[in-house]
Structures are given as C-alpha cells and as structure tokens.
Amino acid sequence: MSRIPERVIELRKAWTESDGRRDAGLTEPEGIEKIRDLSYGPNGQWNLLDLYIPKDSSVKAAAADRSWPVIVSIHGGGFFYGDKELYRFYCMHLAEFGFAVVNFNYRLAPECHFPAPVEDTMAVMEWIAAHASEYGLDTTNVFLVGDSAGAQLVSQFACIMTNGSYRYLFGMKAPNIRIGAVSLACGSYSLSKPGEELRPMILDYFGEESLRNDPRTDVLGNITSAFPPTYIFSSYCDPLVIECEPTAEVIASKGVETVCRIFGSPEAKEVGHVFQVNLKLPEGEKANREQTDFFKKHIQ
C-alpha cells in the first residue's frame, strides 16, 4: 500500500471540515427510504453503498408494484477524497425528484490506483443488475451523475459501457443495464495538461507512465455516437470551467444530444466548484432540477 503524503492528509482534513460547514443544519428527508451499508464488492469499507428510494410505499411493495429509474452518483474529491457519507444529503435530495439513488464508496488514491474506482463502478452496476428485483430498480433506465473527479469517472465509465473496443482494454463485460443519460458537473476531462493544483492529484491516481502511455486514459478520444445523452455543466467561478464547453463540443461532435450550462456569474463567488452539492444555494437547486429533468426526458 502506498504511503499517504502529508499534503493528502492535510487536504482530506481541510475538505472534510469545509464539507461539514456546507451541510451544517441539514436533515435527512423523511420521504426517502434509506438502506445503508450494502456490500457490493470484496474491498470492505471501500465497497459499501447506500440506496435511497422515495417512500411511495415500502421497499418490498415498491419492488412488487413498480420499478424506479436509478441515478448512480460518483462522488468527487480529486480521486483521493470523499465517501458516501459526505454526499448523503445531496443524493437523498436527488431521490426526491423521483429516482432510486445509489451512493457509493470507491477505492481512493494514493492507497489505490487507476483503474480501481472504474472497477468499483462496474461492480456497482453488476450489483444493481443482480438486485434490481429485490429493490424495485429499473435497469433499463439507469443514469449517472458525477462532479469533479467523479465527472471524469462518469465520462470514462460511459465510454466503457458504449464503446466495445474501449471496454476490451479494461477486460470488462457490460452488465445488462441501459445507461439512459449522464450528467457531468465541474469536471476535468482531457487529463493531458493538468494545472499545477490538479497535477499531484492526477499523478497520485494515474501515475506518470499510465497517464502518458496507457490508452485507457484517453476518454475523449474514445467517445462514439453511442455515448449517452449528456448534460454537462459548470459555473463561472469554477476553476475547471474552461473544460466544460470544449468537452461538450467533443461529445456533441459525435452526434450525441448534449446540453451545456454555465451557472452563476463572475461575481457570484459562492457558486463555485461542485456548487450543486450545496443544497442551500438556489443555483444548486436549479442545476439539480435541470439535470433530473434531462434524465426524465430519456426514461424509456
């Protein structure tokens, strides 16, 4: 196991404190069924997920009477930070729009390296396919959301699911699941020229050699016309906003339905990186409503 650099320890502590201030005073909605700490893989705490389902009825009744469209959330955190607990309020809020929501832990750098979280995401999909009837999950209508590093992981996993040649590079088989659409928030997608702030995070995860020579790291070059319809957004005060519109153009150039939105204004500093996770921000609520409305358009 890799030694954890001091900068990672310090950032994990600082970001945990920041996220705690963001969520201070929030309470879990009563109208959502919460099923916690389900194991989806062999890696202990790394491989636990929570499932949030609207309380139209009990979970068993929901499984018998209807199937819920599913949102799978891949949390952000620079590949080295974050877990499902920090995203629980956000994911429960997404469930209030009428979706079952899967909120999961995945293996982080520098303890683990590429493609560990990609493998974990595939394991989550396999878990959904295996347990769909138990929890009333509609495997024909699965949607992915991710922000920051999670957005990169969503884009990569969507490529794996829709490009057989690319999937072959990972040695993976696609489960019997349809990805109806994806939402990408405040992400870094090209990976080719990371800024000085991002570079240590990306190298901790990918490694220099892999980033330069592993064909699996070229996500944008493997997007095809089969890529899911995409809602991609950022904010004027997000340091990664420069990647939003160029990535949208790459996706749209393949003939994929693509909606690109930049929220806030240059003066609205509070509408910054991964602002949609802050449930106290009106702009965050607007983004979450728009992305779930986009998903509803693509339910079959």
C-alpha atoms as a PDB file:
ATOM      1  CA  MET A   1       0.000   0.000   0.000  1.00  0.00           C
ATOM      2  CA  SER A   2       1.268   3.470  -0.896  1.00  0.00           C
ATOM      3  CA  ARG A   3       2.380   5.862   1.804  1.00  0.00           C
ATOM      4  CA  ILE A   4      -0.092   8.712   2.180  1.00  0.00           C
ATOM      5  CA  PRO A   5       1.647  12.067   1.520  1.00  0.00           C
ATOM      6  CA  GLU A   6       1.245  14.742   4.165  1.00  0.00           C
ATOM      7  CA  ARG A   7      -0.454  17.059   1.646  1.00  0.00           C
ATOM      8  CA  VAL A   8      -3.173  14.435   1.111  1.00  0.00           C
ATOM      9  CA  ILE A   9      -3.722  14.063   4.849  1.00  0.00           C
ATOM     10  CA  GLU A  10      -3.976  17.833   5.243  1.00  0.00           C
ATOM     11  CA  LEU A  11      -6.331  18.259   2.295  1.00  0.00           C
ATOM     12  CA  ARG A  12      -8.585  15.443   3.451  1.00  0.00           C
ATOM     13  CA  LYS A  13      -8.886  17.136   6.837  1.00  0.00           C
ATOM     14  CA  ALA A  14      -9.495  20.606   5.385  1.00  0.00           C
ATOM     15  CA  TRP A  15     -12.054  19.427   2.840  1.00  0.00           C
ATOM     16  CA  THR A  16     -13.907  17.377   5.451  1.00  0.00           C
ATOM     17  CA  GLU A  17     -14.208  20.491   7.603  1.00  0.00           C
ATOM     18  CA  SER A  18     -15.364  22.556   4.609  1.00  0.00           C
ATOM     19  CA  ASP A  19     -17.982  19.998   3.601  1.00  0.00           C
ATOM     20  CA  GLY A  20     -19.172  19.832   7.200  1.00  0.00           C
ATOM     21  CA  ARG A  21     -19.782  23.583   7.181  1.00  0.00           C
ATOM     22  CA  ARG A  22     -21.596  23.268   3.841  1.00  0.00           C
ATOM     23  CA  ASP A  23     -24.013  20.678   5.227  1.00  0.00           C
ATOM     24  CA  ALA A  24     -24.400  22.120   8.737  1.00  0.00           C
ATOM     25  CA  GLY A  25     -28.056  22.202   9.757  1.00  0.00           C
ATOM     26  CA  LEU A  26     -29.291  19.875   7.006  1.00  0.00           C
ATOM     27  CA  THR A  27     -31.556  16.990   7.962  1.00  0.00           C
ATOM     28  CA  GLU A  28     -32.329  13.797   6.093  1.00  0.00           C
ATOM     29  CA  PRO A  29     -35.693  13.961   4.306  1.00  0.00           C
ATOM     30  CA  GLU A  30     -38.414  11.818   5.847  1.00  0.00           C
ATOM     31  CA  GLY A  31     -39.923  10.913   2.494  1.00  0.00           C
ATOM     32  CA  ILE A  32     -36.958   8.786   1.451  1.00  0.00           C
ATOM     33  CA  GLU A  33     -36.302   5.160   2.368  1.00  0.00           C
ATOM     34  CA  LYS A  34     -32.616   4.777   3.341  1.00  0.00           C
ATOM     35  CA  ILE A  35     -30.909   1.414   3.037  1.00  0.00           C
ATOM     36  CA  ARG A  36     -27.335   1.744   4.210  1.00  0.00           C
ATOM     37  CA  ASP A  37     -24.017  -0.054   4.032  1.00  0.00           C
ATOM     38  CA  LEU A  38     -24.838  -2.691   1.455  1.00  0.00           C
ATOM     39  CA  SER A  39     -21.727  -4.557   0.310  1.00  0.00           C
ATOM     40  CA  TYR A  40     -21.186  -4.576  -3.443  1.00  0.00           C
ATOM     41  CA  GLY A  41     -17.608  -5.881  -3.653  1.00  0.00           C
ATOM     42  CA  PRO A  42     -14.698  -7.538  -1.845  1.00  0.00           C
ATOM     43  CA  ASN A  43     -12.910  -4.420  -0.569  1.00  0.00           C
ATOM     44  CA  GLY A  44     -14.526  -3.842   2.810  1.00  0.00           C
ATOM     45  CA  GLN A  45     -15.424  -0.236   3.624  1.00  0.00           C
ATOM     46  CA  TRP A  46     -14.305   0.846   0.165  1.00  0.00           C
ATOM     47  CA  ASN A  47     -17.099  -1.243  -1.373  1.00  0.00           C
ATOM     48  CA  LEU A  48     -20.204  -0.169   0.515  1.00  0.00           C
ATOM     49  CA  LEU A  49     -23.201   1.579  -0.982  1.00  0.00           C
ATOM     50  CA  ASP A  50     -26.356   3.274   0.253  1.00  0.00           C
ATOM     51  CA  LEU A  51     -29.652   3.119  -1.600  1.00  0.00           C
ATOM     52  CA  TYR A  52     -32.262   5.870  -1.321  1.00  0.00           C
ATOM     53  CA  ILE A  53     -35.785   5.216  -2.601  1.00  0.00           C
ATOM     54  CA  PRO A  54     -38.847   7.518  -2.496  1.00  0.00           C
ATOM     55  CA  LYS A  55     -41.362   6.352   0.116  1.00  0.00           C
ATOM     56  CA  ASP A  56     -44.378   5.908  -2.117  1.00  0.00           C
ATOM     57  CA  SER A  57     -44.613   2.647  -0.198  1.00  0.00           C
ATOM     58  CA  SER A  58     -42.273   0.219   1.496  1.00  0.00           C
ATOM     59  CA  VAL A  59     -39.255  -1.097  -0.394  1.00  0.00           C
ATOM     60  CA  LYS A  60     -40.886  -4.505  -0.784  1.00  0.00           C
ATOM     61  CA  ALA A  61     -44.091  -3.007  -2.131  1.00  0.00           C
ATOM     62  CA  ALA A  62     -42.130  -0.810  -4.497  1.00  0.00           C
ATOM     63  CA  ALA A  63     -40.299  -3.862  -5.805  1.00  0.00           C
ATOM     64  CA  ALA A  64     -43.589  -5.639  -6.377  1.00  0.00           C
ATOM     65  CA  ASP A  65     -45.587  -2.746  -7.819  1.00  0.00           C
ATOM     66  CA  ARG A  66     -43.118  -0.648  -9.796  1.00  0.00           C
ATOM     67  CA  SER A  67     -39.504  -0.143 -10.719  1.00  0.00           C
ATOM     68  CA  TRP A  68     -37.737   3.128 -10.032  1.00  0.00           C
ATOM     69  CA  PRO A  69     -35.411   4.772 -12.545  1.00  0.00           C
ATOM     70  CA  VAL A  70     -31.966   4.805 -10.980  1.00  0.00           C
ATOM     71  CA  ILE A  71     -29.382   7.544 -10.508  1.00  0.00           C
ATOM     72  CA  VAL A  72     -25.878   6.337  -9.676  1.00  0.00           C
ATOM     73  CA  SER A  73     -23.780   9.098  -8.109  1.00  0.00           C
ATOM     74  CA  ILE A  74     -19.987   9.001  -8.381  1.00  0.00           C
ATOM     75  CA  HIS A  75     -18.658  11.443  -5.802  1.00  0.00           C
ATOM     76  CA  GLY A  76     -15.867  13.899  -6.437  1.00  0.00           C
ATOM     77  CA  GLY A  77     -12.743  14.576  -4.427  1.00  0.00           C
ATOM     78  CA  GLY A  78      -9.688  14.661  -6.656  1.00  0.00           C
ATOM     79  CA  PHE A  79      -9.505  10.832  -6.726  1.00  0.00           C
ATOM     80  CA  PHE A  80      -8.154  10.912  -3.138  1.00  0.00           C
ATOM     81  CA  TYR A  81     -11.025  12.237  -1.016  1.00  0.00           C
ATOM     82  CA  GLY A  82     -14.673  11.661  -0.292  1.00  0.00           C
ATOM     83  CA  ASP A  83     -17.165   8.972   0.579  1.00  0.00           C
ATOM     84  CA  LYS A  84     -20.879   8.313   0.520  1.00  0.00           C
ATOM     85  CA  GLU A  85     -21.450   9.976   3.901  1.00  0.00           C
ATOM     86  CA  LEU A  86     -20.341  13.344   2.525  1.00  0.00           C
ATOM     87  CA  TYR A  87     -22.799  13.003  -0.374  1.00  0.00           C
ATOM     88  CA  ARG A  88     -25.785  11.611   1.513  1.00  0.00           C
ATOM     89  CA  PHE A  89     -27.814  14.842   1.693  1.00  0.00           C
ATOM     90  CA  TYR A  90     -27.199  15.559  -1.974  1.00  0.00           C
ATOM     91  CA  CYS A  91     -28.109  12.043  -3.077  1.00  0.00           C
ATOM     92  CA  MET A  92     -31.211  11.917  -0.902  1.00  0.00           C
ATOM     93  CA  HIS A  93     -32.272  15.185  -2.497  1.00  0.00           C
ATOM     94  CA  LEU A  94     -31.873  13.669  -5.963  1.00  0.00           C
ATOM     95  CA  ALA A  95     -34.135  10.813  -4.827  1.00  0.00           C
ATOM     96  CA  GLU A  96     -36.825  13.399  -4.055  1.00  0.00           C
ATOM     97  CA  PHE A  97     -37.094  14.026  -7.803  1.00  0.00           C
ATOM     98  CA  GLY A  98     -38.496  10.511  -8.219  1.00  0.00           C
ATOM     99  CA  PHE A  99     -35.433   8.276  -8.593  1.00  0.00           C
ATOM    100  CA  ALA A 100     -33.812   5.491  -6.654  1.00  0.00           C
ATOM    101  CA  VAL A 101     -30.296   6.780  -5.962  1.00  0.00           C
ATOM    102  CA  VAL A 102     -27.158   4.711  -5.418  1.00  0.00           C
ATOM    103  CA  ASN A 103     -24.486   6.495  -3.377  1.00  0.00           C
ATOM    104  CA  PHE A 104     -21.268   4.505  -3.008  1.00  0.00           C
ATOM    105  CA  ASN A 105     -17.737   4.452  -1.672  1.00  0.00           C
ATOM    106  CA  TYR A 106     -14.925   3.584  -4.051  1.00  0.00           C
ATOM    107  CA  ARG A 107     -11.211   2.985  -3.643  1.00  0.00           C
ATOM    108  CA  LEU A 108      -9.161   6.174  -3.468  1.00  0.00           C
ATOM    109  CA  ALA A 109      -5.620   7.245  -4.298  1.00  0.00           C
ATOM    110  CA  PRO A 110      -2.908   7.068  -3.154  1.00  0.00           C
ATOM    111  CA  GLU A 111      -3.898   3.879  -1.309  1.00  0.00           C
ATOM    112  CA  CYS A 112      -5.218   2.532  -4.622  1.00  0.00           C
ATOM    113  CA  HIS A 113      -4.588   3.468  -8.232  1.00  0.00           C
ATOM    114  CA  PHE A 114      -6.185   3.577 -11.666  1.00  0.00           C
ATOM    115  CA  PRO A 115      -8.414   1.839 -12.613  1.00  0.00           C
ATOM    116  CA  ALA A 116      -9.633   0.831  -9.114  1.00  0.00           C
ATOM    117  CA  PRO A 117     -12.641   3.221  -8.949  1.00  0.00           C
ATOM    118  CA  VAL A 118     -13.607   2.298 -12.515  1.00  0.00           C
ATOM    119  CA  GLU A 119     -13.639  -1.356 -11.461  1.00  0.00           C
ATOM    120  CA  ASP A 120     -15.677  -0.423  -8.399  1.00  0.00           C
ATOM    121  CA  THR A 121     -18.206   1.419 -10.559  1.00  0.00           C
ATOM    122  CA  MET A 122     -18.598  -1.666 -12.728  1.00  0.00           C
ATOM    123  CA  ALA A 123     -19.123  -3.733  -9.577  1.00  0.00           C
ATOM    124  CA  VAL A 124     -21.881  -1.327  -8.527  1.00  0.00           C
ATOM    125  CA  MET A 125     -23.572  -1.802 -11.894  1.00  0.00           C
ATOM    126  CA  GLU A 126     -23.322  -5.570 -11.529  1.00  0.00           C
ATOM    127  CA  TRP A 127     -24.840  -5.251  -8.052  1.00  0.00           C
ATOM    128  CA  ILE A 128     -27.747  -3.228  -9.464  1.00  0.00           C
ATOM    129  CA  ALA A 129     -28.343  -5.835 -12.162  1.00  0.00           C
ATOM    130  CA  ALA A 130     -28.281  -8.640  -9.576  1.00  0.00           C
ATOM    131  CA  HIS A 131     -30.526  -6.920  -7.006  1.00  0.00           C
ATOM    132  CA  ALA A 132     -32.913  -4.967  -9.221  1.00  0.00           C
ATOM    133  CA  SER A 133     -35.962  -7.094  -8.483  1.00  0.00           C
ATOM    134  CA  GLU A 134     -35.250  -7.065  -4.742  1.00  0.00           C
ATOM    135  CA  TYR A 135     -35.314  -3.276  -4.506  1.00  0.00           C
ATOM    136  CA  GLY A 136     -37.530  -2.310  -7.431  1.00  0.00           C
ATOM    137  CA  LEU A 137     -34.772  -0.865  -9.649  1.00  0.00           C
ATOM    138  CA  ASP A 138     -35.338  -0.297 -13.349  1.00  0.00           C
ATOM    139  CA  THR A 139     -32.194  -1.499 -15.104  1.00  0.00           C
ATOM    140  CA  THR A 140     -33.402  -0.094 -18.437  1.00  0.00           C
ATOM    141  CA  ASN A 141     -33.297   3.436 -17.010  1.00  0.00           C
ATOM    142  CA  VAL A 142     -30.007   3.984 -15.185  1.00  0.00           C
ATOM    143  CA  PHE A 143     -28.475   7.472 -15.113  1.00  0.00           C
ATOM    144  CA  LEU A 144     -25.038   8.618 -13.954  1.00  0.00           C
ATOM    145  CA  VAL A 145     -24.114  11.817 -12.135  1.00  0.00           C
ATOM    146  CA  GLY A 146     -20.631  12.844 -11.104  1.00  0.00           C
ATOM    147  CA  ASP A 147     -18.774  16.006 -10.171  1.00  0.00           C
ATOM    148  CA  SER A 148     -15.116  16.967 -10.300  1.00  0.00           C
ATOM    149  CA  ALA A 149     -13.132  13.699 -10.326  1.00  0.00           C
ATOM    150  CA  GLY A 150     -16.480  11.919 -10.259  1.00  0.00           C
ATOM    151  CA  ALA A 151     -17.408  13.605 -13.529  1.00  0.00           C
ATOM    152  CA  GLN A 152     -14.228  12.252 -15.114  1.00  0.00           C
ATOM    153  CA  LEU A 153     -15.131   8.801 -13.836  1.00  0.00           C
ATOM    154  CA  VAL A 154     -18.672   9.103 -15.217  1.00  0.00           C
ATOM    155  CA  SER A 155     -17.368  10.104 -18.640  1.00  0.00           C
ATOM    156  CA  GLN A 156     -14.928   7.200 -18.617  1.00  0.00           C
ATOM    157  CA  PHE A 157     -17.458   4.649 -17.458  1.00  0.00           C
ATOM    158  CA  ALA A 158     -19.981   5.835 -20.050  1.00  0.00           C
ATOM    159  CA  CYS A 159     -17.298   5.208 -22.687  1.00  0.00           C
ATOM    160  CA  ILE A 160     -16.703   1.726 -21.320  1.00  0.00           C
ATOM    161  CA  MET A 161     -20.410   0.938 -21.497  1.00  0.00           C
ATOM    162  CA  THR A 162     -20.875   2.264 -25.049  1.00  0.00           C
ATOM    163  CA  ASN A 163     -17.600   1.512 -26.847  1.00  0.00           C
ATOM    164  CA  GLY A 164     -16.792  -2.199 -27.070  1.00  0.00           C
ATOM    165  CA  SER A 165     -13.202  -1.666 -28.208  1.00  0.00           C
ATOM    166  CA  TYR A 166     -12.527   0.647 -25.285  1.00  0.00           C
ATOM    167  CA  ARG A 167     -14.243  -1.745 -22.858  1.00  0.00           C
ATOM    168  CA  TYR A 168     -11.987  -4.536 -24.133  1.00  0.00           C
ATOM    169  CA  LEU A 169      -8.936  -2.577 -22.934  1.00  0.00           C
ATOM    170  CA  PHE A 170     -10.271  -2.914 -19.384  1.00  0.00           C
ATOM    171  CA  GLY A 171     -11.103  -6.594 -19.757  1.00  0.00           C
ATOM    172  CA  MET A 172     -14.687  -5.882 -18.752  1.00  0.00           C
ATOM    173  CA  LYS A 173     -18.079  -7.169 -19.790  1.00  0.00           C
ATOM    174  CA  ALA A 174     -21.058  -4.814 -19.813  1.00  0.00           C
ATOM    175  CA  PRO A 175     -23.858  -5.830 -17.440  1.00  0.00           C
ATOM    176  CA  ASN A 176     -27.431  -5.910 -18.691  1.00  0.00           C
ATOM    177  CA  ILE A 177     -28.060  -2.255 -17.898  1.00  0.00           C
ATOM    178  CA  ARG A 178     -29.040   0.656 -20.111  1.00  0.00           C
ATOM    179  CA  ILE A 179     -27.386   3.999 -19.363  1.00  0.00           C
ATOM    180  CA  GLY A 180     -30.120   6.450 -20.314  1.00  0.00           C
ATOM    181  CA  ALA A 181     -28.111   9.673 -19.902  1.00  0.00           C
ATOM    182  CA  VAL A 182     -25.276  11.186 -17.877  1.00  0.00           C
ATOM    183  CA  SER A 183     -24.679  14.442 -16.045  1.00  0.00           C
ATOM    184  CA  LEU A 184     -21.151  15.820 -15.756  1.00  0.00           C
ATOM    185  CA  ALA A 185     -20.509  18.606 -13.241  1.00  0.00           C
ATOM    186  CA  CYS A 186     -17.398  20.739 -12.846  1.00  0.00           C
ATOM    187  CA  GLY A 187     -15.052  18.079 -14.169  1.00  0.00           C
ATOM    188  CA  SER A 188     -11.615  17.773 -15.716  1.00  0.00           C
ATOM    189  CA  TYR A 189     -11.862  15.512 -18.746  1.00  0.00           C
ATOM    190  CA  SER A 190      -8.842  15.782 -21.040  1.00  0.00           C
ATOM    191  CA  LEU A 191      -6.200  14.974 -18.359  1.00  0.00           C
ATOM    192  CA  SER A 192      -3.478  15.827 -20.878  1.00  0.00           C
ATOM    193  CA  LYS A 193      -2.281  19.101 -19.370  1.00  0.00           C
ATOM    194  CA  PRO A 194      -3.435  19.310 -15.755  1.00  0.00           C
ATOM    195  CA  GLY A 195      -2.822  22.585 -13.950  1.00  0.00           C
ATOM    196  CA  GLU A 196      -0.334  22.782 -11.113  1.00  0.00           C
ATOM    197  CA  GLU A 197      -3.068  22.336  -8.489  1.00  0.00           C
ATOM    198  CA  LEU A 198      -4.526  19.267 -10.187  1.00  0.00           C
ATOM    199  CA  ARG A 199      -1.296  17.612 -11.271  1.00  0.00           C
ATOM    200  CA  PRO A 200      -0.335  15.973  -7.931  1.00  0.00           C
ATOM    201  CA  MET A 201      -3.861  14.551  -7.518  1.00  0.00           C
ATOM    202  CA  ILE A 202      -3.956  13.145 -11.028  1.00  0.00           C
ATOM    203  CA  LEU A 203      -0.464  11.658 -10.753  1.00  0.00           C
ATOM    204  CA  ASP A 204      -1.269  10.061  -7.376  1.00  0.00           C
ATOM    205  CA  TYR A 205      -4.127   8.276  -9.107  1.00  0.00           C
ATOM    206  CA  PHE A 206      -2.901   7.547 -12.633  1.00  0.00           C
ATOM    207  CA  GLY A 207       0.859   7.692 -12.295  1.00  0.00           C
ATOM    208  CA  GLU A 208       3.102   9.439 -14.824  1.00  0.00           C
ATOM    209  CA  GLU A 209       3.657   6.379 -17.016  1.00  0.00           C
ATOM    210  CA  SER A 210      -0.008   5.441 -17.167  1.00  0.00           C
ATOM    211  CA  LEU A 211      -1.086   8.996 -17.919  1.00  0.00           C
ATOM    212  CA  ARG A 212       1.369   9.212 -20.815  1.00  0.00           C
ATOM    213  CA  ASN A 213       1.159   5.760 -22.337  1.00  0.00           C
ATOM    214  CA  ASP A 214      -1.925   3.878 -21.191  1.00  0.00           C
ATOM    215  CA  PRO A 215      -4.575   4.130 -23.961  1.00  0.00           C
ATOM    216  CA  ARG A 216      -7.294   3.718 -21.323  1.00  0.00           C
ATOM    217  CA  THR A 217      -6.656   7.257 -20.048  1.00  0.00           C
ATOM    218  CA  ASP A 218      -7.795   8.802 -23.356  1.00  0.00           C
ATOM    219  CA  VAL A 219     -11.501   9.151 -22.631  1.00  0.00           C
ATOM    220  CA  LEU A 220     -12.398  11.930 -25.050  1.00  0.00           C
ATOM    221  CA  GLY A 221     -10.746  10.049 -27.897  1.00  0.00           C
ATOM    222  CA  ASN A 222     -12.991   7.051 -27.246  1.00  0.00           C
ATOM    223  CA  ILE A 223     -16.356   8.802 -27.236  1.00  0.00           C
ATOM    224  CA  THR A 224     -18.579   7.491 -30.033  1.00  0.00           C
ATOM    225  CA  SER A 225     -22.058   8.228 -31.313  1.00  0.00           C
ATOM    226  CA  ALA A 226     -23.338   5.612 -28.832  1.00  0.00           C
ATOM    227  CA  PHE A 227     -22.279   7.769 -25.854  1.00  0.00           C
ATOM    228  CA  PRO A 228     -25.304   8.568 -23.672  1.00  0.00           C
ATOM    229  CA  PRO A 229     -27.155  11.890 -23.955  1.00  0.00           C
ATOM    230  CA  THR A 230     -25.173  14.322 -21.838  1.00  0.00           C
ATOM    231  CA  TYR A 231     -25.987  17.219 -19.555  1.00  0.00           C
ATOM    232  CA  ILE A 232     -22.705  18.950 -18.732  1.00  0.00           C
ATOM    233  CA  PHE A 233     -22.370  21.998 -16.524  1.00  0.00           C
ATOM    234  CA  SER A 234     -20.062  24.194 -14.520  1.00  0.00           C
ATOM    235  CA  SER A 235     -20.089  27.716 -13.077  1.00  0.00           C
ATOM    236  CA  TYR A 236     -18.334  30.942 -13.921  1.00  0.00           C
ATOM    237  CA  CYS A 237     -16.365  30.696 -10.658  1.00  0.00           C
ATOM    238  CA  ASP A 238     -15.373  27.055 -11.025  1.00  0.00           C
ATOM    239  CA  PRO A 239     -11.611  26.794 -11.733  1.00  0.00           C
ATOM    240  CA  LEU A 240     -12.411  23.906 -14.122  1.00  0.00           C
ATOM    241  CA  VAL A 241     -14.993  25.864 -16.128  1.00  0.00           C
ATOM    242  CA  ILE A 242     -12.513  26.087 -19.014  1.00  0.00           C
ATOM    243  CA  GLU A 243     -13.020  22.360 -19.645  1.00  0.00           C
ATOM    244  CA  CYS A 244     -16.807  22.429 -19.787  1.00  0.00           C
ATOM    245  CA  GLU A 245     -17.647  23.872 -23.203  1.00  0.00           C
ATOM    246  CA  PRO A 246     -14.729  22.203 -25.089  1.00  0.00           C
ATOM    247  CA  THR A 247     -15.769  18.813 -23.684  1.00  0.00           C
ATOM    248  CA  ALA A 248     -19.387  19.471 -24.615  1.00  0.00           C
ATOM    249  CA  GLU A 249     -18.235  20.250 -28.158  1.00  0.00           C
ATOM    250  CA  VAL A 250     -16.339  16.935 -28.381  1.00  0.00           C
ATOM    251  CA  ILE A 251     -19.383  14.985 -27.238  1.00  0.00           C
ATOM    252  CA  ALA A 252     -21.785  16.902 -29.480  1.00  0.00           C
ATOM    253  CA  SER A 253     -19.463  16.410 -32.471  1.00  0.00           C
ATOM    254  CA  LYS A 254     -20.253  12.683 -32.296  1.00  0.00           C
ATOM    255  CA  GLY A 255     -23.930  13.401 -32.839  1.00  0.00           C
ATOM    256  CA  VAL A 256     -24.775  12.900 -29.145  1.00  0.00           C
ATOM    257  CA  GLU A 257     -27.519  15.062 -27.634  1.00  0.00           C
ATOM    258  CA  THR A 258     -25.614  17.483 -25.421  1.00  0.00           C
ATOM    259  CA  VAL A 259     -26.780  20.303 -23.157  1.00  0.00           C
ATOM    260  CA  CYS A 260     -24.071  22.595 -21.780  1.00  0.00           C
ATOM    261  CA  ARG A 261     -24.804  25.092 -18.982  1.00  0.00           C
ATOM    262  CA  ILE A 262     -22.662  27.581 -17.088  1.00  0.00           C
ATOM    263  CA  PHE A 263     -24.332  28.735 -13.862  1.00  0.00           C
ATOM    264  CA  GLY A 264     -23.941  31.799 -11.697  1.00  0.00           C
ATOM    265  CA  SER A 265     -21.972  34.853 -12.725  1.00  0.00           C
ATOM    266  CA  PRO A 266     -18.374  36.082 -12.465  1.00  0.00           C
ATOM    267  CA  GLU A 267     -19.424  37.966  -9.330  1.00  0.00           C
ATOM    268  CA  ALA A 268     -21.205  35.051  -7.615  1.00  0.00           C
ATOM    269  CA  LYS A 269     -18.172  33.533  -5.912  1.00  0.00           C
ATOM    270  CA  GLU A 270     -20.359  31.234  -3.804  1.00  0.00           C
ATOM    271  CA  VAL A 271     -21.485  29.467  -6.992  1.00  0.00           C
ATOM    272  CA  GLY A 272     -18.150  27.739  -7.434  1.00  0.00           C
ATOM    273  CA  HIS A 273     -16.729  24.268  -7.810  1.00  0.00           C
ATOM    274  CA  VAL A 274     -19.348  21.489  -7.328  1.00  0.00           C
ATOM    275  CA  PHE A 275     -21.873  24.107  -6.228  1.00  0.00           C
ATOM    276  CA  GLN A 276     -24.788  21.745  -6.938  1.00  0.00           C
ATOM    277  CA  VAL A 277     -23.904  19.653  -3.873  1.00  0.00           C
ATOM    278  CA  ASN A 278     -24.634  22.689  -1.674  1.00  0.00           C
ATOM    279  CA  LEU A 279     -28.357  22.324  -1.037  1.00  0.00           C
ATOM    280  CA  LYS A 280     -28.523  25.824   0.416  1.00  0.00           C
ATOM    281  CA  LEU A 281     -27.742  27.506  -2.928  1.00  0.00           C
ATOM    282  CA  PRO A 282     -30.620  28.429  -5.283  1.00  0.00           C
ATOM    283  CA  GLU A 283     -28.307  27.902  -8.260  1.00  0.00           C
ATOM    284  CA  GLY A 284     -27.524  24.419  -6.985  1.00  0.00           C
ATOM    285  CA  GLU A 285     -31.226  23.621  -6.769  1.00  0.00           C
ATOM    286  CA  LYS A 286     -31.690  24.918 -10.311  1.00  0.00           C
ATOM    287  CA  ALA A 287     -28.883  22.703 -11.637  1.00  0.00           C
ATOM    288  CA  ASN A 288     -30.237  19.641  -9.848  1.00  0.00           C
ATOM    289  CA  ARG A 289     -33.726  20.205 -11.178  1.00  0.00           C
ATOM    290  CA  GLU A 290     -32.402  20.682 -14.704  1.00  0.00           C
ATOM    291  CA  GLN A 291     -30.238  17.565 -14.657  1.00  0.00           C
ATOM    292  CA  THR A 292     -33.047  15.379 -13.308  1.00  0.00           C
ATOM    293  CA  ASP A 293     -35.473  16.868 -15.842  1.00  0.00           C
ATOM    294  CA  PHE A 294     -32.943  15.937 -18.530  1.00  0.00           C
ATOM    295  CA  PHE A 295     -32.901  12.377 -17.228  1.00  0.00           C
ATOM    296  CA  LYS A 296     -36.703  12.195 -17.204  1.00  0.00           C
ATOM    297  CA  LYS A 297     -36.699  13.099 -20.899  1.00  0.00           C
ATOM    298  CA  HIS A 298     -34.672   9.955 -21.546  1.00  0.00           C
ATOM    299  CA  ILE A 299     -36.646   7.454 -19.499  1.00  0.00           C
ATOM    300  CA  GLN A 300     -37.887   4.579 -21.656  1.00  0.00           C
END
